[in-house]
């Protein structure tokens, strides 16, 4: 299959790339060149972001679909081609038709069978799998062996709103793998300073809570924030008391048994705070 990124090329270059040209067709055309439609003969050509093709070029593309033939630049005769055409876009083609920016007859020629890709918001359960796939790709590309994506980072990615869908997710991970100084990517490495401030990931008492918490239902978000606060508070009290549970309980205004129950609930061991 041959893939053509339509908006990446100016109109004149895109036309010559798709349909080819003969020697002398324009300045610099010193020999014949087959276009991508001829190269894809007997196979498939994918026109990526077809909504960005100029209207003048849409007319010539319509002829390919209707007559199954192309006319290279500078040639008076046509050439038959047998090729399957796939087209993709992230734009509303019917809206562009209404504005006169896309030919209606071309739309119906292309629209034999439509496959609508769901947004990431519709397939949140797939975000961790996609994230790990892109993460592993970039780790290999940038030779960052030993780098890990923390569970909290994966959780953050799953909760974010992805207006740019897969491409935005891919770019976030690309940047994180490239720029994270350590070997473990955390939520802070995935978000900009502005987004971190917006999510209020650091509470006023210093307890770090999961970013993207605002994407959770209220009760779940409350539980997560309270859990982060309680863990921070208990650990701080035990640090000050040197791991002495009775002293930490007194300083917290709690009974020893109540303090121990909280330690069990949040899986905190007093031995970790003793010298």
C-alpha atoms as a PDB file:
ATOM      1  CA  UNK A   1       0.000   0.000   0.000  1.00  0.00           C
ATOM      2  CA  UNK A   2       1.208   3.503  -0.856  1.00  0.00           C
ATOM      3  CA  UNK A   3       0.327   6.316   1.565  1.00  0.00           C
ATOM      4  CA  UNK A   4       0.105   9.953   0.474  1.00  0.00           C
ATOM      5  CA  UNK A   5       0.077  12.726   3.078  1.00  0.00           C
ATOM      6  CA  UNK A   6      -2.027  15.181   1.078  1.00  0.00           C
ATOM      7  CA  UNK A   7      -1.520  18.435   3.046  1.00  0.00           C
ATOM      8  CA  UNK A   8       2.249  17.942   3.197  1.00  0.00           C
ATOM      9  CA  UNK A   9       2.715  18.863  -0.481  1.00  0.00           C
ATOM     10  CA  UNK A  10       1.817  22.035  -2.428  1.00  0.00           C
ATOM     11  CA  UNK A  11      -0.906  21.629  -5.060  1.00  0.00           C
ATOM     12  CA  UNK A  12       1.372  21.480  -8.128  1.00  0.00           C
ATOM     13  CA  UNK A  13       3.794  19.042  -6.537  1.00  0.00           C
ATOM     14  CA  UNK A  14       0.977  16.871  -5.221  1.00  0.00           C
ATOM     15  CA  UNK A  15      -0.550  16.661  -8.700  1.00  0.00           C
ATOM     16  CA  UNK A  16       2.730  15.565 -10.286  1.00  0.00           C
ATOM     17  CA  UNK A  17       3.347  13.062  -7.488  1.00  0.00           C
ATOM     18  CA  UNK A  18      -0.094  11.494  -7.865  1.00  0.00           C
ATOM     19  CA  UNK A  19      -0.396  11.405 -11.643  1.00  0.00           C
ATOM     20  CA  UNK A  20       3.220  11.574 -12.817  1.00  0.00           C
ATOM     21  CA  UNK A  21       4.581  13.631 -15.710  1.00  0.00           C
ATOM     22  CA  UNK A  22       6.427  13.356 -19.004  1.00  0.00           C
ATOM     23  CA  UNK A  23       9.721  14.912 -19.960  1.00  0.00           C
ATOM     24  CA  UNK A  24       9.369  18.631 -20.636  1.00  0.00           C
ATOM     25  CA  UNK A  25       6.021  18.989 -18.834  1.00  0.00           C
ATOM     26  CA  UNK A  26       7.493  21.780 -16.704  1.00  0.00           C
ATOM     27  CA  UNK A  27      10.835  23.297 -15.804  1.00  0.00           C
ATOM     28  CA  UNK A  28      13.031  20.627 -14.293  1.00  0.00           C
ATOM     29  CA  UNK A  29      11.089  17.683 -15.764  1.00  0.00           C
ATOM     30  CA  UNK A  30      14.073  16.185 -17.573  1.00  0.00           C
ATOM     31  CA  UNK A  31      12.639  12.672 -17.748  1.00  0.00           C
ATOM     32  CA  UNK A  32       9.349  10.791 -17.521  1.00  0.00           C
ATOM     33  CA  UNK A  33       8.133   9.858 -14.064  1.00  0.00           C
ATOM     34  CA  UNK A  34       5.339   7.488 -13.059  1.00  0.00           C
ATOM     35  CA  UNK A  35       2.926   8.887 -10.492  1.00  0.00           C
ATOM     36  CA  UNK A  36       1.893   7.192  -7.277  1.00  0.00           C
ATOM     37  CA  UNK A  37      -1.322   5.898  -8.851  1.00  0.00           C
ATOM     38  CA  UNK A  38       0.712   3.949 -11.390  1.00  0.00           C
ATOM     39  CA  UNK A  39       3.100   2.729  -8.692  1.00  0.00           C
ATOM     40  CA  UNK A  40       0.115   1.467  -6.702  1.00  0.00           C
ATOM     41  CA  UNK A  41      -1.383  -0.362  -9.705  1.00  0.00           C
ATOM     42  CA  UNK A  42      -2.803  -3.699  -8.612  1.00  0.00           C
ATOM     43  CA  UNK A  43      -2.620  -2.586  -4.982  1.00  0.00           C
ATOM     44  CA  UNK A  44      -3.933   0.200  -2.718  1.00  0.00           C
ATOM     45  CA  UNK A  45      -3.277   3.908  -2.355  1.00  0.00           C
ATOM     46  CA  UNK A  46      -4.231   5.762   0.847  1.00  0.00           C
ATOM     47  CA  UNK A  47      -4.976   9.466   0.533  1.00  0.00           C
ATOM     48  CA  UNK A  48      -4.438  10.689   4.079  1.00  0.00           C
ATOM     49  CA  UNK A  49      -6.229  13.931   5.073  1.00  0.00           C
ATOM     50  CA  UNK A  50      -8.063  14.118   1.762  1.00  0.00           C
ATOM     51  CA  UNK A  51     -10.128  17.072   2.986  1.00  0.00           C
ATOM     52  CA  UNK A  52      -7.077  19.275   2.421  1.00  0.00           C
ATOM     53  CA  UNK A  53      -6.813  18.539  -1.306  1.00  0.00           C
ATOM     54  CA  UNK A  54      -7.536  21.704  -3.383  1.00  0.00           C
ATOM     55  CA  UNK A  55     -10.828  21.730  -5.302  1.00  0.00           C
ATOM     56  CA  UNK A  56      -8.989  21.906  -8.646  1.00  0.00           C
ATOM     57  CA  UNK A  57      -7.203  18.658  -7.841  1.00  0.00           C
ATOM     58  CA  UNK A  58     -10.402  17.051  -6.591  1.00  0.00           C
ATOM     59  CA  UNK A  59     -11.761  17.223 -10.153  1.00  0.00           C
ATOM     60  CA  UNK A  60      -8.854  15.163 -11.491  1.00  0.00           C
ATOM     61  CA  UNK A  61      -9.158  12.711  -8.640  1.00  0.00           C
ATOM     62  CA  UNK A  62     -12.847  12.258  -9.448  1.00  0.00           C
ATOM     63  CA  UNK A  63     -11.878  11.226 -12.973  1.00  0.00           C
ATOM     64  CA  UNK A  64      -9.569   8.540 -11.604  1.00  0.00           C
ATOM     65  CA  UNK A  65     -12.399   7.098  -9.550  1.00  0.00           C
ATOM     66  CA  UNK A  66     -14.999   7.292 -12.323  1.00  0.00           C
ATOM     67  CA  UNK A  67     -12.974   6.353 -15.400  1.00  0.00           C
ATOM     68  CA  UNK A  68     -10.152   4.418 -13.716  1.00  0.00           C
ATOM     69  CA  UNK A  69      -7.582   6.324 -15.716  1.00  0.00           C
ATOM     70  CA  UNK A  70      -5.031   9.073 -15.141  1.00  0.00           C
ATOM     71  CA  UNK A  71      -3.465  11.702 -17.351  1.00  0.00           C
ATOM     72  CA  UNK A  72       0.179  12.485 -16.487  1.00  0.00           C
ATOM     73  CA  UNK A  73       1.183  16.140 -16.675  1.00  0.00           C
ATOM     74  CA  UNK A  74       2.254  17.102 -20.177  1.00  0.00           C
ATOM     75  CA  UNK A  75       0.679  14.040 -21.803  1.00  0.00           C
ATOM     76  CA  UNK A  76      -2.368  14.220 -24.091  1.00  0.00           C
ATOM     77  CA  UNK A  77      -3.397  10.573 -23.708  1.00  0.00           C
ATOM     78  CA  UNK A  78      -4.691   8.808 -20.604  1.00  0.00           C
ATOM     79  CA  UNK A  79      -3.407   5.681 -18.873  1.00  0.00           C
ATOM     80  CA  UNK A  80      -5.660   3.007 -17.361  1.00  0.00           C
ATOM     81  CA  UNK A  81      -5.009   2.150 -13.710  1.00  0.00           C
ATOM     82  CA  UNK A  82      -6.362  -0.604 -11.504  1.00  0.00           C
ATOM     83  CA  UNK A  83      -5.996   0.594  -7.937  1.00  0.00           C
ATOM     84  CA  UNK A  84      -8.021   0.530  -4.729  1.00  0.00           C
ATOM     85  CA  UNK A  85      -8.428   4.015  -3.219  1.00  0.00           C
ATOM     86  CA  UNK A  86      -8.697   4.582   0.524  1.00  0.00           C
ATOM     87  CA  UNK A  87      -9.163   8.053   1.977  1.00  0.00           C
ATOM     88  CA  UNK A  88      -8.964   9.353   5.534  1.00  0.00           C
ATOM     89  CA  UNK A  89      -9.747  12.633   7.233  1.00  0.00           C
ATOM     90  CA  UNK A  90     -10.398  14.066  10.679  1.00  0.00           C
ATOM     91  CA  UNK A  91     -12.615  16.816   9.271  1.00  0.00           C
ATOM     92  CA  UNK A  92     -16.345  17.001   8.597  1.00  0.00           C
ATOM     93  CA  UNK A  93     -16.538  16.592   4.825  1.00  0.00           C
ATOM     94  CA  UNK A  94     -20.252  17.346   4.666  1.00  0.00           C
ATOM     95  CA  UNK A  95     -19.596  20.695   6.349  1.00  0.00           C
ATOM     96  CA  UNK A  96     -16.846  21.418   3.821  1.00  0.00           C
ATOM     97  CA  UNK A  97     -19.261  20.521   1.005  1.00  0.00           C
ATOM     98  CA  UNK A  98     -21.722  23.085   2.358  1.00  0.00           C
ATOM     99  CA  UNK A  99     -18.938  25.703   2.276  1.00  0.00           C
ATOM    100  CA  UNK A 100     -17.947  24.752  -1.278  1.00  0.00           C
ATOM    101  CA  UNK A 101     -14.560  23.472  -0.145  1.00  0.00           C
ATOM    102  CA  UNK A 102     -15.105  19.837  -1.129  1.00  0.00           C
ATOM    103  CA  UNK A 103     -16.841  18.391  -4.180  1.00  0.00           C
ATOM    104  CA  UNK A 104     -20.081  16.618  -3.370  1.00  0.00           C
ATOM    105  CA  UNK A 105     -19.735  14.151  -6.266  1.00  0.00           C
ATOM    106  CA  UNK A 106     -16.236  13.207  -5.107  1.00  0.00           C
ATOM    107  CA  UNK A 107     -17.535  12.666  -1.589  1.00  0.00           C
ATOM    108  CA  UNK A 108     -20.159  10.181  -2.775  1.00  0.00           C
ATOM    109  CA  UNK A 109     -17.628   8.453  -5.033  1.00  0.00           C
ATOM    110  CA  UNK A 110     -15.340   7.924  -2.086  1.00  0.00           C
ATOM    111  CA  UNK A 111     -18.065   7.135   0.405  1.00  0.00           C
ATOM    112  CA  UNK A 112     -18.655   3.535  -0.686  1.00  0.00           C
ATOM    113  CA  UNK A 113     -17.893   2.218   2.770  1.00  0.00           C
ATOM    114  CA  UNK A 114     -17.156   4.374   5.799  1.00  0.00           C
ATOM    115  CA  UNK A 115     -15.205   3.324   8.868  1.00  0.00           C
ATOM    116  CA  UNK A 116     -15.502   5.791  11.731  1.00  0.00           C
ATOM    117  CA  UNK A 117     -12.659   5.606  14.218  1.00  0.00           C
ATOM    118  CA  UNK A 118     -13.762   6.278  17.804  1.00  0.00           C
ATOM    119  CA  UNK A 119     -12.113   9.065  19.761  1.00  0.00           C
ATOM    120  CA  UNK A 120      -9.913   8.224  22.738  1.00  0.00           C
ATOM    121  CA  UNK A 121     -12.664   9.461  25.034  1.00  0.00           C
ATOM    122  CA  UNK A 122     -14.857   6.679  23.639  1.00  0.00           C
ATOM    123  CA  UNK A 123     -12.234   3.961  24.164  1.00  0.00           C
ATOM    124  CA  UNK A 124     -10.586   5.012  27.418  1.00  0.00           C
ATOM    125  CA  UNK A 125      -9.908   1.372  28.289  1.00  0.00           C
ATOM    126  CA  UNK A 126      -7.523   1.167  25.317  1.00  0.00           C
ATOM    127  CA  UNK A 127      -5.428   4.166  26.349  1.00  0.00           C
ATOM    128  CA  UNK A 128      -3.002   2.180  28.582  1.00  0.00           C
ATOM    129  CA  UNK A 129      -2.320  -0.298  25.751  1.00  0.00           C
ATOM    130  CA  UNK A 130      -1.763   2.478  23.226  1.00  0.00           C
ATOM    131  CA  UNK A 131       0.402   4.384  25.699  1.00  0.00           C
ATOM    132  CA  UNK A 132       2.657   1.394  26.345  1.00  0.00           C
ATOM    133  CA  UNK A 133       2.934   0.749  22.614  1.00  0.00           C
ATOM    134  CA  UNK A 134       4.092   4.309  21.875  1.00  0.00           C
ATOM    135  CA  UNK A 135       6.268   4.390  24.998  1.00  0.00           C
ATOM    136  CA  UNK A 136       8.175   1.260  23.952  1.00  0.00           C
ATOM    137  CA  UNK A 137       8.624   2.632  20.433  1.00  0.00           C
ATOM    138  CA  UNK A 138      10.161   5.891  21.676  1.00  0.00           C
ATOM    139  CA  UNK A 139      12.336   4.134  24.262  1.00  0.00           C
ATOM    140  CA  UNK A 140      13.902   2.139  21.427  1.00  0.00           C
ATOM    141  CA  UNK A 141      14.136   5.153  19.106  1.00  0.00           C
ATOM    142  CA  UNK A 142      15.919   7.330  21.670  1.00  0.00           C
ATOM    143  CA  UNK A 143      17.902   4.416  23.160  1.00  0.00           C
ATOM    144  CA  UNK A 144      16.604   5.021  26.687  1.00  0.00           C
ATOM    145  CA  UNK A 145      16.915   1.462  27.925  1.00  0.00           C
ATOM    146  CA  UNK A 146      15.642   0.934  31.472  1.00  0.00           C
ATOM    147  CA  UNK A 147      13.082   3.737  31.357  1.00  0.00           C
ATOM    148  CA  UNK A 148       9.704   2.962  32.918  1.00  0.00           C
ATOM    149  CA  UNK A 149       6.214   4.424  32.703  1.00  0.00           C
ATOM    150  CA  UNK A 150       4.835   4.624  36.239  1.00  0.00           C
ATOM    151  CA  UNK A 151       1.334   3.293  37.059  1.00  0.00           C
ATOM    152  CA  UNK A 152       0.369   6.834  38.111  1.00  0.00           C
ATOM    153  CA  UNK A 153       1.442   8.152  34.711  1.00  0.00           C
ATOM    154  CA  UNK A 154      -0.657   5.532  32.936  1.00  0.00           C
ATOM    155  CA  UNK A 155      -3.593   6.423  35.155  1.00  0.00           C
ATOM    156  CA  UNK A 156      -3.126  10.097  34.311  1.00  0.00           C
ATOM    157  CA  UNK A 157      -3.067   9.374  30.572  1.00  0.00           C
ATOM    158  CA  UNK A 158      -6.257   7.355  30.859  1.00  0.00           C
ATOM    159  CA  UNK A 159      -8.061  10.193  32.616  1.00  0.00           C
ATOM    160  CA  UNK A 160      -6.975  13.064  30.387  1.00  0.00           C
ATOM    161  CA  UNK A 161      -9.202  14.604  27.738  1.00  0.00           C
ATOM    162  CA  UNK A 162      -7.549  14.028  24.362  1.00  0.00           C
ATOM    163  CA  UNK A 163      -8.869  16.601  21.907  1.00  0.00           C
ATOM    164  CA  UNK A 164      -6.092  15.639  19.478  1.00  0.00           C
ATOM    165  CA  UNK A 165      -6.821  11.931  19.971  1.00  0.00           C
ATOM    166  CA  UNK A 166      -4.085   9.398  19.206  1.00  0.00           C
ATOM    167  CA  UNK A 167      -1.670  11.917  17.705  1.00  0.00           C
ATOM    168  CA  UNK A 168      -1.760  14.067  20.837  1.00  0.00           C
ATOM    169  CA  UNK A 169      -1.229  11.003  23.033  1.00  0.00           C
ATOM    170  CA  UNK A 170       1.685   9.918  20.847  1.00  0.00           C
ATOM    171  CA  UNK A 171       3.292  13.371  21.004  1.00  0.00           C
ATOM    172  CA  UNK A 172       2.965  13.541  24.795  1.00  0.00           C
ATOM    173  CA  UNK A 173       4.810  10.260  25.202  1.00  0.00           C
ATOM    174  CA  UNK A 174       7.395  11.250  22.618  1.00  0.00           C
ATOM    175  CA  UNK A 175       8.207  14.404  24.573  1.00  0.00           C
ATOM    176  CA  UNK A 176       8.215  12.614  27.935  1.00  0.00           C
ATOM    177  CA  UNK A 177      10.606   9.867  26.818  1.00  0.00           C
ATOM    178  CA  UNK A 178      12.902  12.407  25.184  1.00  0.00           C
ATOM    179  CA  UNK A 179      12.996  15.024  27.970  1.00  0.00           C
ATOM    180  CA  UNK A 180      12.469  13.172  31.274  1.00  0.00           C
ATOM    181  CA  UNK A 181      15.834  13.350  33.100  1.00  0.00           C
ATOM    182  CA  UNK A 182      15.288  10.229  35.226  1.00  0.00           C
ATOM    183  CA  UNK A 183      14.348   6.663  34.348  1.00  0.00           C
ATOM    184  CA  UNK A 184      10.739   6.751  35.571  1.00  0.00           C
ATOM    185  CA  UNK A 185       8.079   8.848  33.854  1.00  0.00           C
ATOM    186  CA  UNK A 186       5.617  10.321  36.356  1.00  0.00           C
ATOM    187  CA  UNK A 187       2.466  12.389  35.753  1.00  0.00           C
ATOM    188  CA  UNK A 188       4.537  15.574  36.162  1.00  0.00           C
ATOM    189  CA  UNK A 189       6.651  14.553  33.166  1.00  0.00           C
ATOM    190  CA  UNK A 190       3.550  14.245  30.975  1.00  0.00           C
ATOM    191  CA  UNK A 191       1.935  17.589  31.747  1.00  0.00           C
ATOM    192  CA  UNK A 192       3.005  21.157  31.152  1.00  0.00           C
ATOM    193  CA  UNK A 193       3.458  23.499  34.156  1.00  0.00           C
ATOM    194  CA  UNK A 194       0.172  25.184  33.222  1.00  0.00           C
ATOM    195  CA  UNK A 195      -1.699  21.874  33.241  1.00  0.00           C
ATOM    196  CA  UNK A 196      -0.133  20.873  36.548  1.00  0.00           C
ATOM    197  CA  UNK A 197      -1.257  24.159  38.078  1.00  0.00           C
ATOM    198  CA  UNK A 198      -4.748  23.700  36.637  1.00  0.00           C
ATOM    199  CA  UNK A 199      -5.030  20.188  38.051  1.00  0.00           C
ATOM    200  CA  UNK A 200      -3.764  21.347  41.473  1.00  0.00           C
ATOM    201  CA  UNK A 201      -1.704  18.208  41.806  1.00  0.00           C
ATOM    202  CA  UNK A 202       0.011  19.498  44.972  1.00  0.00           C
ATOM    203  CA  UNK A 203      -2.297  20.279  47.859  1.00  0.00           C
ATOM    204  CA  UNK A 204      -1.705  23.199  50.192  1.00  0.00           C
ATOM    205  CA  UNK A 205      -0.596  20.861  52.988  1.00  0.00           C
ATOM    206  CA  UNK A 206       2.050  19.337  50.742  1.00  0.00           C
ATOM    207  CA  UNK A 207       0.343  16.008  50.062  1.00  0.00           C
ATOM    208  CA  UNK A 208       0.773  14.998  46.467  1.00  0.00           C
ATOM    209  CA  UNK A 209      -2.409  13.710  44.870  1.00  0.00           C
ATOM    210  CA  UNK A 210      -2.951  12.178  41.488  1.00  0.00           C
ATOM    211  CA  UNK A 211      -3.181  14.617  38.612  1.00  0.00           C
ATOM    212  CA  UNK A 212      -6.256  14.499  36.396  1.00  0.00           C
ATOM    213  CA  UNK A 213      -8.355  13.827  39.470  1.00  0.00           C
ATOM    214  CA  UNK A 214     -11.028  16.195  38.142  1.00  0.00           C
ATOM    215  CA  UNK A 215     -11.885  13.589  35.478  1.00  0.00           C
ATOM    216  CA  UNK A 216     -13.143  11.186  38.152  1.00  0.00           C
ATOM    217  CA  UNK A 217     -16.672  11.075  39.566  1.00  0.00           C
ATOM    218  CA  UNK A 218     -16.901  13.236  42.694  1.00  0.00           C
ATOM    219  CA  UNK A 219     -16.921  10.402  45.264  1.00  0.00           C
ATOM    220  CA  UNK A 220     -13.951   8.652  43.641  1.00  0.00           C
ATOM    221  CA  UNK A 221     -12.020  11.914  43.385  1.00  0.00           C
ATOM    222  CA  UNK A 222     -12.765  12.723  47.034  1.00  0.00           C
ATOM    223  CA  UNK A 223     -11.591   9.281  48.156  1.00  0.00           C
ATOM    224  CA  UNK A 224      -8.341   9.610  46.210  1.00  0.00           C
ATOM    225  CA  UNK A 225      -7.571  13.083  47.561  1.00  0.00           C
ATOM    226  CA  UNK A 226      -8.383  12.045  51.129  1.00  0.00           C
ATOM    227  CA  UNK A 227      -6.227   8.926  50.770  1.00  0.00           C
ATOM    228  CA  UNK A 228      -3.282  11.017  49.596  1.00  0.00           C
ATOM    229  CA  UNK A 229      -3.768  13.440  52.495  1.00  0.00           C
ATOM    230  CA  UNK A 230      -4.061  10.673  55.096  1.00  0.00           C
ATOM    231  CA  UNK A 231      -0.957   8.896  53.818  1.00  0.00           C
ATOM    232  CA  UNK A 232       1.022  12.130  53.874  1.00  0.00           C
ATOM    233  CA  UNK A 233      -0.192  13.044  57.364  1.00  0.00           C
ATOM    234  CA  UNK A 234       0.505   9.640  58.940  1.00  0.00           C
ATOM    235  CA  UNK A 235       3.948   9.362  57.369  1.00  0.00           C
ATOM    236  CA  UNK A 236       4.837  12.879  58.527  1.00  0.00           C
ATOM    237  CA  UNK A 237       3.735  12.083  62.088  1.00  0.00           C
ATOM    238  CA  UNK A 238       5.760   8.858  62.146  1.00  0.00           C
ATOM    239  CA  UNK A 239       8.788  10.639  60.703  1.00  0.00           C
ATOM    240  CA  UNK A 240       8.699  13.223  63.497  1.00  0.00           C
ATOM    241  CA  UNK A 241       8.244  10.524  66.178  1.00  0.00           C
ATOM    242  CA  UNK A 242      10.978   8.322  64.722  1.00  0.00           C
ATOM    243  CA  UNK A 243       8.524   5.504  64.134  1.00  0.00           C
ATOM    244  CA  UNK A 244       7.038   5.611  67.657  1.00  0.00           C
ATOM    245  CA  UNK A 245       3.352   4.905  67.081  1.00  0.00           C
ATOM    246  CA  UNK A 246       2.208   6.044  70.548  1.00  0.00           C
ATOM    247  CA  UNK A 247       4.011   9.386  70.228  1.00  0.00           C
ATOM    248  CA  UNK A 248       2.704   9.905  66.694  1.00  0.00           C
ATOM    249  CA  UNK A 249      -0.853   9.151  67.849  1.00  0.00           C
ATOM    250  CA  UNK A 250      -0.613  11.622  70.764  1.00  0.00           C
ATOM    251  CA  UNK A 251       0.764  14.349  68.505  1.00  0.00           C
ATOM    252  CA  UNK A 252      -2.092  13.735  66.057  1.00  0.00           C
ATOM    253  CA  UNK A 253      -4.767  13.882  68.758  1.00  0.00           C
ATOM    254  CA  UNK A 254      -5.747  10.253  68.115  1.00  0.00           C
ATOM    255  CA  UNK A 255      -5.835   7.137  70.226  1.00  0.00           C
ATOM    256  CA  UNK A 256      -3.118   4.554  69.547  1.00  0.00           C
ATOM    257  CA  UNK A 257      -5.636   2.004  68.209  1.00  0.00           C
ATOM    258  CA  UNK A 258      -7.263   4.548  65.918  1.00  0.00           C
ATOM    259  CA  UNK A 259      -3.846   5.555  64.586  1.00  0.00           C
ATOM    260  CA  UNK A 260      -2.902   1.907  64.003  1.00  0.00           C
ATOM    261  CA  UNK A 261      -6.136   1.242  62.127  1.00  0.00           C
ATOM    262  CA  UNK A 262      -5.321   4.134  59.812  1.00  0.00           C
ATOM    263  CA  UNK A 263      -1.819   2.741  59.318  1.00  0.00           C
ATOM    264  CA  UNK A 264      -3.262  -0.634  58.361  1.00  0.00           C
ATOM    265  CA  UNK A 265      -5.795   0.934  56.012  1.00  0.00           C
ATOM    266  CA  UNK A 266      -3.122   2.866  54.135  1.00  0.00           C
ATOM    267  CA  UNK A 267      -0.496   0.109  54.412  1.00  0.00           C
ATOM    268  CA  UNK A 268       2.047   2.086  56.392  1.00  0.00           C
ATOM    269  CA  UNK A 269       4.710   0.290  58.485  1.00  0.00           C
ATOM    270  CA  UNK A 270       6.156   2.103  61.485  1.00  0.00           C
ATOM    271  CA  UNK A 271       9.459   0.248  61.101  1.00  0.00           C
ATOM    272  CA  UNK A 272      10.189   2.213  57.948  1.00  0.00           C
ATOM    273  CA  UNK A 273      10.535   5.401  60.032  1.00  0.00           C
ATOM    274  CA  UNK A 274      12.915   4.106  62.708  1.00  0.00           C
ATOM    275  CA  UNK A 275      16.610   4.874  62.599  1.00  0.00           C
END
